[in-house]
Amino acid sequence: MTDSVRAIIEEVDKFNDNHQDKQAYDRLKKAIDGGMKETELYWRLARACRGMALLPETKDLQERKNYFEEGMSAAKAGMAINDNDPKCNSWYAICLNYRSKSDGVDQRIKNSYIMRDHWLKALRVEPTDFATLHSMGV
């Protein structure tokens, strides 16, 4: 990982800590669109997409759905680099969970197995990750 990627991660994590979802989202999009392809950036983009979707000003359901799908795509891009990356697997499942809330019950049940598989994969690599444990109800 390069120093420039580390600097972006530090900046984005500060944005996240201060609930500055738009700034985190914009910074990550700029970095990734500029050619930085790191799992550490992709899962953070998925997290930022979730944040953008849940902002009070994001009232349109289709816009929320688009953010969740973008988060899933970002996490998938990270898994294409490292299929066992725990954060990419966990954030894929988190975004899928939110995305599934607008689907019917049958699809939500089908998706729950996919979510479980990604969270279990994440826990095999990082068994104490709070976000994953919380998502699984542990």
N, C-alpha and C. Protein backbone atom coordinates (compact mmCIF):
# COMPACT_ATOMS: atom_id res chain seq x y z
N MET A 1 0.84 -1.18 0.00
CA MET A 1 0.00 0.00 0.00
C MET A 1 0.89 1.25 0.00
N THR A 2 0.56 2.17 -0.86
CA THR A 2 1.39 3.37 -0.99
C THR A 2 1.03 4.41 0.08
N ASP A 3 1.94 5.36 0.25
CA ASP A 3 1.69 6.43 1.22
C ASP A 3 0.47 7.25 0.83
N SER A 4 0.24 7.44 -0.47
CA SER A 4 -0.93 8.23 -0.89
C SER A 4 -2.23 7.51 -0.55
N VAL A 5 -2.24 6.18 -0.66
CA VAL A 5 -3.44 5.41 -0.28
C VAL A 5 -3.63 5.51 1.23
N ARG A 6 -2.55 5.38 1.99
CA ARG A 6 -2.65 5.52 3.45
C ARG A 6 -3.21 6.88 3.85
N ALA A 7 -2.77 7.93 3.17
CA ALA A 7 -3.25 9.28 3.47
C ALA A 7 -4.74 9.41 3.18
N ILE A 8 -5.18 8.81 2.08
CA ILE A 8 -6.61 8.85 1.74
C ILE A 8 -7.42 8.09 2.79
N ILE A 9 -6.92 6.93 3.20
CA ILE A 9 -7.61 6.14 4.21
C ILE A 9 -7.74 6.94 5.51
N GLU A 10 -6.67 7.57 5.92
CA GLU A 10 -6.69 8.38 7.14
C GLU A 10 -7.72 9.51 7.02
N GLU A 11 -7.72 10.18 5.88
CA GLU A 11 -8.66 11.28 5.64
C GLU A 11 -10.11 10.78 5.66
N VAL A 12 -10.35 9.68 4.96
CA VAL A 12 -11.71 9.13 4.87
C VAL A 12 -12.19 8.63 6.22
N ASP A 13 -11.31 8.00 6.99
CA ASP A 13 -11.70 7.53 8.31
C ASP A 13 -12.07 8.69 9.24
N LYS A 14 -11.38 9.81 9.10
CA LYS A 14 -11.76 11.00 9.88
C LYS A 14 -13.13 11.51 9.45
N PHE A 15 -13.36 11.53 8.15
CA PHE A 15 -14.70 11.91 7.67
C PHE A 15 -15.76 10.99 8.26
N ASN A 16 -15.49 9.69 8.25
CA ASN A 16 -16.45 8.72 8.77
C ASN A 16 -16.68 8.93 10.26
N ASP A 17 -15.61 9.13 11.01
CA ASP A 17 -15.74 9.36 12.45
C ASP A 17 -16.58 10.59 12.77
N ASN A 18 -16.55 11.57 11.88
CA ASN A 18 -17.29 12.82 12.07
C ASN A 18 -18.62 12.84 11.31
N HIS A 19 -19.05 11.67 10.84
CA HIS A 19 -20.32 11.52 10.12
C HIS A 19 -20.40 12.44 8.90
N GLN A 20 -19.29 12.59 8.22
CA GLN A 20 -19.23 13.40 7.00
C GLN A 20 -19.24 12.45 5.80
N ASP A 21 -20.41 11.85 5.60
CA ASP A 21 -20.55 10.80 4.59
C ASP A 21 -20.31 11.31 3.17
N LYS A 22 -20.80 12.48 2.86
CA LYS A 22 -20.64 13.04 1.51
C LYS A 22 -19.17 13.27 1.19
N GLN A 23 -18.42 13.81 2.15
CA GLN A 23 -17.00 14.06 1.93
C GLN A 23 -16.24 12.74 1.75
N ALA A 24 -16.57 11.74 2.57
CA ALA A 24 -15.92 10.43 2.44
C ALA A 24 -16.23 9.82 1.08
N TYR A 25 -17.50 9.86 0.71
CA TYR A 25 -17.93 9.31 -0.58
C TYR A 25 -17.20 9.99 -1.74
N ASP A 26 -17.20 11.32 -1.74
CA ASP A 26 -16.57 12.06 -2.83
C ASP A 26 -15.07 11.78 -2.91
N ARG A 27 -14.41 11.71 -1.76
CA ARG A 27 -12.95 11.47 -1.74
C ARG A 27 -12.62 10.08 -2.27
N LEU A 28 -13.40 9.10 -1.87
CA LEU A 28 -13.16 7.72 -2.32
C LEU A 28 -13.46 7.56 -3.81
N LYS A 29 -14.55 8.17 -4.27
CA LYS A 29 -14.87 8.10 -5.70
C LYS A 29 -13.74 8.70 -6.53
N LYS A 30 -13.23 9.84 -6.09
CA LYS A 30 -12.14 10.51 -6.81
C LYS A 30 -10.90 9.62 -6.86
N ALA A 31 -10.56 9.00 -5.74
CA ALA A 31 -9.37 8.15 -5.68
C ALA A 31 -9.52 6.92 -6.57
N ILE A 32 -10.66 6.25 -6.47
CA ILE A 32 -10.87 5.03 -7.25
C ILE A 32 -11.01 5.36 -8.74
N ASP A 33 -11.76 6.40 -9.06
CA ASP A 33 -11.89 6.81 -10.46
C ASP A 33 -10.56 7.27 -11.03
N GLY A 34 -9.65 7.71 -10.14
CA GLY A 34 -8.32 8.14 -10.56
C GLY A 34 -7.33 6.99 -10.71
N GLY A 35 -7.80 5.76 -10.48
CA GLY A 35 -6.95 4.60 -10.72
C GLY A 35 -6.45 3.85 -9.50
N MET A 36 -6.79 4.30 -8.31
CA MET A 36 -6.35 3.59 -7.11
C MET A 36 -7.28 2.40 -6.88
N LYS A 37 -6.72 1.22 -6.98
CA LYS A 37 -7.51 -0.01 -6.86
C LYS A 37 -7.01 -0.81 -5.65
N GLU A 38 -7.56 -0.53 -4.49
CA GLU A 38 -7.15 -1.17 -3.24
C GLU A 38 -8.40 -1.65 -2.50
N THR A 39 -8.33 -2.84 -1.93
CA THR A 39 -9.47 -3.34 -1.16
C THR A 39 -9.84 -2.38 -0.04
N GLU A 40 -8.83 -1.76 0.58
CA GLU A 40 -9.08 -0.82 1.68
C GLU A 40 -9.91 0.37 1.23
N LEU A 41 -9.81 0.76 -0.02
CA LEU A 41 -10.62 1.86 -0.55
C LEU A 41 -12.02 1.37 -0.93
N TYR A 42 -12.08 0.17 -1.50
CA TYR A 42 -13.37 -0.34 -1.96
C TYR A 42 -14.35 -0.58 -0.81
N TRP A 43 -13.88 -1.20 0.29
CA TRP A 43 -14.85 -1.44 1.37
C TRP A 43 -15.25 -0.13 2.03
N ARG A 44 -14.34 0.81 2.07
CA ARG A 44 -14.70 2.13 2.62
C ARG A 44 -15.71 2.85 1.72
N LEU A 45 -15.60 2.64 0.41
CA LEU A 45 -16.60 3.22 -0.49
C LEU A 45 -17.96 2.56 -0.24
N ALA A 46 -17.98 1.26 -0.03
CA ALA A 46 -19.25 0.58 0.29
C ALA A 46 -19.85 1.17 1.57
N ARG A 47 -19.01 1.39 2.57
CA ARG A 47 -19.47 1.99 3.83
C ARG A 47 -20.00 3.41 3.58
N ALA A 48 -19.30 4.18 2.76
CA ALA A 48 -19.72 5.55 2.45
C ALA A 48 -21.04 5.55 1.66
N CYS A 49 -21.21 4.58 0.77
CA CYS A 49 -22.47 4.47 0.02
C CYS A 49 -23.63 4.20 0.97
N ARG A 50 -23.41 3.33 1.93
CA ARG A 50 -24.44 3.08 2.94
C ARG A 50 -24.76 4.38 3.68
N GLY A 51 -23.72 5.13 4.05
CA GLY A 51 -23.91 6.41 4.72
C GLY A 51 -24.70 7.39 3.87
N MET A 52 -24.38 7.46 2.59
CA MET A 52 -25.09 8.37 1.68
C MET A 52 -26.56 7.98 1.57
N ALA A 53 -26.83 6.69 1.49
CA ALA A 53 -28.21 6.21 1.35
C ALA A 53 -29.04 6.54 2.59
N LEU A 54 -28.40 6.57 3.74
CA LEU A 54 -29.13 6.78 4.99
C LEU A 54 -29.18 8.24 5.43
N LEU A 55 -28.59 9.14 4.64
CA LEU A 55 -28.67 10.56 4.98
C LEU A 55 -30.13 11.01 4.95
N PRO A 56 -30.52 11.89 5.88
CA PRO A 56 -31.91 12.37 5.89
C PRO A 56 -32.34 13.00 4.57
N GLU A 57 -31.41 13.65 3.87
CA GLU A 57 -31.78 14.30 2.61
C GLU A 57 -31.92 13.32 1.45
N THR A 58 -31.52 12.06 1.65
CA THR A 58 -31.71 11.04 0.61
C THR A 58 -33.07 10.40 0.85
N LYS A 59 -34.10 11.06 0.36
CA LYS A 59 -35.47 10.61 0.62
C LYS A 59 -36.01 9.69 -0.48
N ASP A 60 -35.50 9.85 -1.69
CA ASP A 60 -35.98 9.07 -2.82
C ASP A 60 -35.53 7.61 -2.68
N LEU A 61 -36.49 6.70 -2.71
CA LEU A 61 -36.17 5.28 -2.51
C LEU A 61 -35.26 4.72 -3.59
N GLN A 62 -35.45 5.17 -4.83
CA GLN A 62 -34.59 4.69 -5.92
C GLN A 62 -33.16 5.17 -5.73
N GLU A 63 -33.00 6.40 -5.27
CA GLU A 63 -31.66 6.93 -5.01
C GLU A 63 -30.98 6.12 -3.90
N ARG A 64 -31.73 5.79 -2.85
CA ARG A 64 -31.17 4.96 -1.78
C ARG A 64 -30.74 3.60 -2.33
N LYS A 65 -31.62 3.01 -3.10
CA LYS A 65 -31.34 1.70 -3.70
C LYS A 65 -30.07 1.77 -4.56
N ASN A 66 -29.93 2.85 -5.32
CA ASN A 66 -28.74 3.03 -6.17
C ASN A 66 -27.47 3.10 -5.34
N TYR A 67 -27.52 3.81 -4.21
CA TYR A 67 -26.34 3.88 -3.34
C TYR A 67 -25.99 2.50 -2.79
N PHE A 68 -27.00 1.74 -2.36
CA PHE A 68 -26.71 0.40 -1.84
C PHE A 68 -26.13 -0.49 -2.93
N GLU A 69 -26.65 -0.39 -4.14
CA GLU A 69 -26.11 -1.19 -5.24
C GLU A 69 -24.69 -0.75 -5.60
N GLU A 70 -24.43 0.54 -5.53
CA GLU A 70 -23.07 1.02 -5.76
C GLU A 70 -22.13 0.49 -4.68
N GLY A 71 -22.61 0.45 -3.45
CA GLY A 71 -21.80 -0.11 -2.36
C GLY A 71 -21.51 -1.58 -2.58
N MET A 72 -22.51 -2.32 -3.05
CA MET A 72 -22.29 -3.73 -3.35
C MET A 72 -21.27 -3.90 -4.46
N SER A 73 -21.36 -3.06 -5.48
CA SER A 73 -20.40 -3.13 -6.60
C SER A 73 -18.99 -2.81 -6.13
N ALA A 74 -18.87 -1.82 -5.25
CA ALA A 74 -17.55 -1.46 -4.72
C ALA A 74 -16.96 -2.63 -3.92
N ALA A 75 -17.77 -3.22 -3.06
CA ALA A 75 -17.29 -4.36 -2.26
C ALA A 75 -16.91 -5.53 -3.17
N LYS A 76 -17.70 -5.76 -4.22
CA LYS A 76 -17.39 -6.82 -5.18
C LYS A 76 -16.07 -6.56 -5.89
N ALA A 77 -15.81 -5.29 -6.23
CA ALA A 77 -14.54 -4.94 -6.87
C ALA A 77 -13.38 -5.25 -5.93
N GLY A 78 -13.57 -5.00 -4.66
CA GLY A 78 -12.54 -5.35 -3.68
C GLY A 78 -12.36 -6.85 -3.57
N MET A 79 -13.47 -7.60 -3.62
CA MET A 79 -13.37 -9.06 -3.56
C MET A 79 -12.74 -9.63 -4.82
N ALA A 80 -12.82 -8.90 -5.93
CA ALA A 80 -12.14 -9.35 -7.16
C ALA A 80 -10.63 -9.29 -6.98
N ILE A 81 -10.16 -8.39 -6.13
CA ILE A 81 -8.73 -8.28 -5.82
C ILE A 81 -8.35 -9.35 -4.79
N ASN A 82 -9.17 -9.50 -3.76
CA ASN A 82 -8.92 -10.48 -2.70
C ASN A 82 -10.27 -11.00 -2.23
N ASP A 83 -10.62 -12.19 -2.71
CA ASP A 83 -11.92 -12.78 -2.40
C ASP A 83 -12.14 -13.00 -0.91
N ASN A 84 -11.06 -13.10 -0.14
CA ASN A 84 -11.18 -13.36 1.29
C ASN A 84 -11.09 -12.10 2.14
N ASP A 85 -11.08 -10.92 1.51
CA ASP A 85 -10.99 -9.70 2.29
C ASP A 85 -12.21 -9.60 3.22
N PRO A 86 -11.98 -9.57 4.54
CA PRO A 86 -13.11 -9.60 5.47
C PRO A 86 -14.00 -8.37 5.40
N LYS A 87 -13.41 -7.20 5.22
CA LYS A 87 -14.21 -5.97 5.19
C LYS A 87 -15.04 -5.89 3.91
N CYS A 88 -14.47 -6.29 2.79
CA CYS A 88 -15.23 -6.28 1.54
C CYS A 88 -16.40 -7.26 1.62
N ASN A 89 -16.16 -8.44 2.17
CA ASN A 89 -17.24 -9.42 2.32
C ASN A 89 -18.32 -8.90 3.26
N SER A 90 -17.91 -8.34 4.38
CA SER A 90 -18.87 -7.84 5.35
C SER A 90 -19.69 -6.68 4.78
N TRP A 91 -19.02 -5.72 4.14
CA TRP A 91 -19.75 -4.56 3.62
C TRP A 91 -20.59 -4.90 2.40
N TYR A 92 -20.22 -5.93 1.65
CA TYR A 92 -21.10 -6.41 0.58
C TYR A 92 -22.41 -6.88 1.20
N ALA A 93 -22.30 -7.69 2.24
CA ALA A 93 -23.49 -8.23 2.89
C ALA A 93 -24.32 -7.13 3.56
N ILE A 94 -23.66 -6.16 4.17
CA ILE A 94 -24.39 -5.05 4.81
C ILE A 94 -25.19 -4.28 3.76
N CYS A 95 -24.55 -3.95 2.65
CA CYS A 95 -25.26 -3.22 1.58
C CYS A 95 -26.38 -4.07 0.99
N LEU A 96 -26.14 -5.37 0.82
CA LEU A 96 -27.19 -6.26 0.31
C LEU A 96 -28.36 -6.30 1.29
N ASN A 97 -28.07 -6.32 2.57
CA ASN A 97 -29.12 -6.32 3.59
C ASN A 97 -30.01 -5.09 3.45
N TYR A 98 -29.40 -3.93 3.39
CA TYR A 98 -30.19 -2.70 3.21
C TYR A 98 -30.92 -2.71 1.87
N ARG A 99 -30.24 -3.14 0.83
CA ARG A 99 -30.84 -3.18 -0.50
C ARG A 99 -32.06 -4.10 -0.52
N SER A 100 -31.97 -5.20 0.20
CA SER A 100 -33.04 -6.20 0.22
C SER A 100 -34.30 -5.72 0.91
N LYS A 101 -34.19 -4.69 1.71
CA LYS A 101 -35.37 -4.20 2.44
C LYS A 101 -36.46 -3.70 1.50
N SER A 102 -36.09 -3.35 0.28
CA SER A 102 -37.09 -2.88 -0.69
C SER A 102 -37.60 -4.01 -1.58
N ASP A 103 -37.06 -5.20 -1.40
CA ASP A 103 -37.51 -6.37 -2.16
C ASP A 103 -38.63 -7.07 -1.41
N GLY A 104 -39.25 -8.00 -2.06
CA GLY A 104 -40.28 -8.79 -1.40
C GLY A 104 -39.68 -9.77 -0.40
N VAL A 105 -40.53 -10.37 0.39
CA VAL A 105 -40.09 -11.28 1.45
C VAL A 105 -39.32 -12.46 0.88
N ASP A 106 -39.80 -13.04 -0.21
CA ASP A 106 -39.13 -14.20 -0.79
C ASP A 106 -37.69 -13.88 -1.18
N GLN A 107 -37.50 -12.74 -1.85
CA GLN A 107 -36.14 -12.36 -2.26
C GLN A 107 -35.27 -12.04 -1.05
N ARG A 108 -35.86 -11.42 -0.05
CA ARG A 108 -35.10 -11.09 1.16
C ARG A 108 -34.61 -12.36 1.86
N ILE A 109 -35.44 -13.38 1.88
CA ILE A 109 -35.04 -14.66 2.48
C ILE A 109 -33.91 -15.28 1.66
N LYS A 110 -34.04 -15.27 0.34
CA LYS A 110 -32.96 -15.81 -0.51
C LYS A 110 -31.66 -15.05 -0.28
N ASN A 111 -31.76 -13.73 -0.19
CA ASN A 111 -30.56 -12.92 0.02
C ASN A 111 -29.94 -13.14 1.40
N SER A 112 -30.76 -13.55 2.37
CA SER A 112 -30.22 -13.75 3.72
C SER A 112 -29.15 -14.84 3.74
N TYR A 113 -29.28 -15.84 2.88
CA TYR A 113 -28.26 -16.89 2.81
C TYR A 113 -26.96 -16.36 2.20
N ILE A 114 -27.09 -15.48 1.23
CA ILE A 114 -25.90 -14.86 0.62
C ILE A 114 -25.20 -13.99 1.66
N MET A 115 -26.00 -13.20 2.38
CA MET A 115 -25.42 -12.34 3.43
C MET A 115 -24.69 -13.18 4.47
N ARG A 116 -25.35 -14.23 4.93
CA ARG A 116 -24.74 -15.10 5.94
C ARG A 116 -23.41 -15.65 5.45
N ASP A 117 -23.36 -16.11 4.22
CA ASP A 117 -22.12 -16.67 3.68
C ASP A 117 -21.00 -15.64 3.65
N HIS A 118 -21.31 -14.41 3.27
CA HIS A 118 -20.28 -13.37 3.24
C HIS A 118 -19.83 -13.00 4.65
N TRP A 119 -20.77 -12.93 5.60
CA TRP A 119 -20.38 -12.60 6.97
C TRP A 119 -19.56 -13.72 7.60
N LEU A 120 -19.92 -14.96 7.33
CA LEU A 120 -19.13 -16.08 7.86
C LEU A 120 -17.73 -16.09 7.26
N LYS A 121 -17.63 -15.79 5.98
CA LYS A 121 -16.33 -15.70 5.32
C LYS A 121 -15.49 -14.60 5.98
N ALA A 122 -16.12 -13.48 6.26
CA ALA A 122 -15.42 -12.37 6.92
C ALA A 122 -14.96 -12.78 8.32
N LEU A 123 -15.80 -13.48 9.05
CA LEU A 123 -15.45 -13.88 10.42
C LEU A 123 -14.35 -14.92 10.47
N ARG A 124 -14.23 -15.74 9.43
CA ARG A 124 -13.13 -16.71 9.40
C ARG A 124 -11.78 -16.00 9.36
N VAL A 125 -11.73 -14.85 8.72
CA VAL A 125 -10.48 -14.10 8.59
C VAL A 125 -10.30 -13.13 9.75
N GLU A 126 -11.39 -12.50 10.16
CA GLU A 126 -11.34 -11.48 11.22
C GLU A 126 -12.47 -11.74 12.22
N PRO A 127 -12.26 -12.70 13.14
CA PRO A 127 -13.34 -13.17 14.01
C PRO A 127 -13.85 -12.16 15.04
N THR A 128 -13.17 -11.05 15.23
CA THR A 128 -13.61 -10.09 16.24
C THR A 128 -14.14 -8.79 15.63
N ASP A 129 -14.39 -8.76 14.33
CA ASP A 129 -14.86 -7.53 13.69
C ASP A 129 -16.26 -7.17 14.19
N PHE A 130 -16.35 -5.99 14.80
CA PHE A 130 -17.60 -5.56 15.42
C PHE A 130 -18.74 -5.45 14.41
N ALA A 131 -18.48 -4.83 13.26
CA ALA A 131 -19.55 -4.62 12.27
C ALA A 131 -20.13 -5.95 11.80
N THR A 132 -19.27 -6.92 11.57
CA THR A 132 -19.74 -8.23 11.12
C THR A 132 -20.50 -8.95 12.22
N LEU A 133 -19.94 -8.94 13.43
CA LEU A 133 -20.63 -9.59 14.55
C LEU A 133 -21.99 -8.94 14.80
N HIS A 134 -22.03 -7.63 14.78
CA HIS A 134 -23.29 -6.91 14.98
C HIS A 134 -24.29 -7.26 13.89
N SER A 135 -23.83 -7.32 12.65
CA SER A 135 -24.71 -7.64 11.53
C SER A 135 -25.31 -9.03 11.66
N MET A 136 -24.54 -9.94 12.24
CA MET A 136 -25.03 -11.31 12.42
C MET A 136 -25.84 -11.47 13.70
N GLY A 137 -25.92 -10.42 14.49
CA GLY A 137 -26.71 -10.48 15.72
C GLY A 137 -25.99 -11.16 16.86
N VAL A 138 -24.67 -11.20 16.79
CA VAL A 138 -23.87 -11.85 17.84
C VAL A 138 -23.50 -10.84 18.90
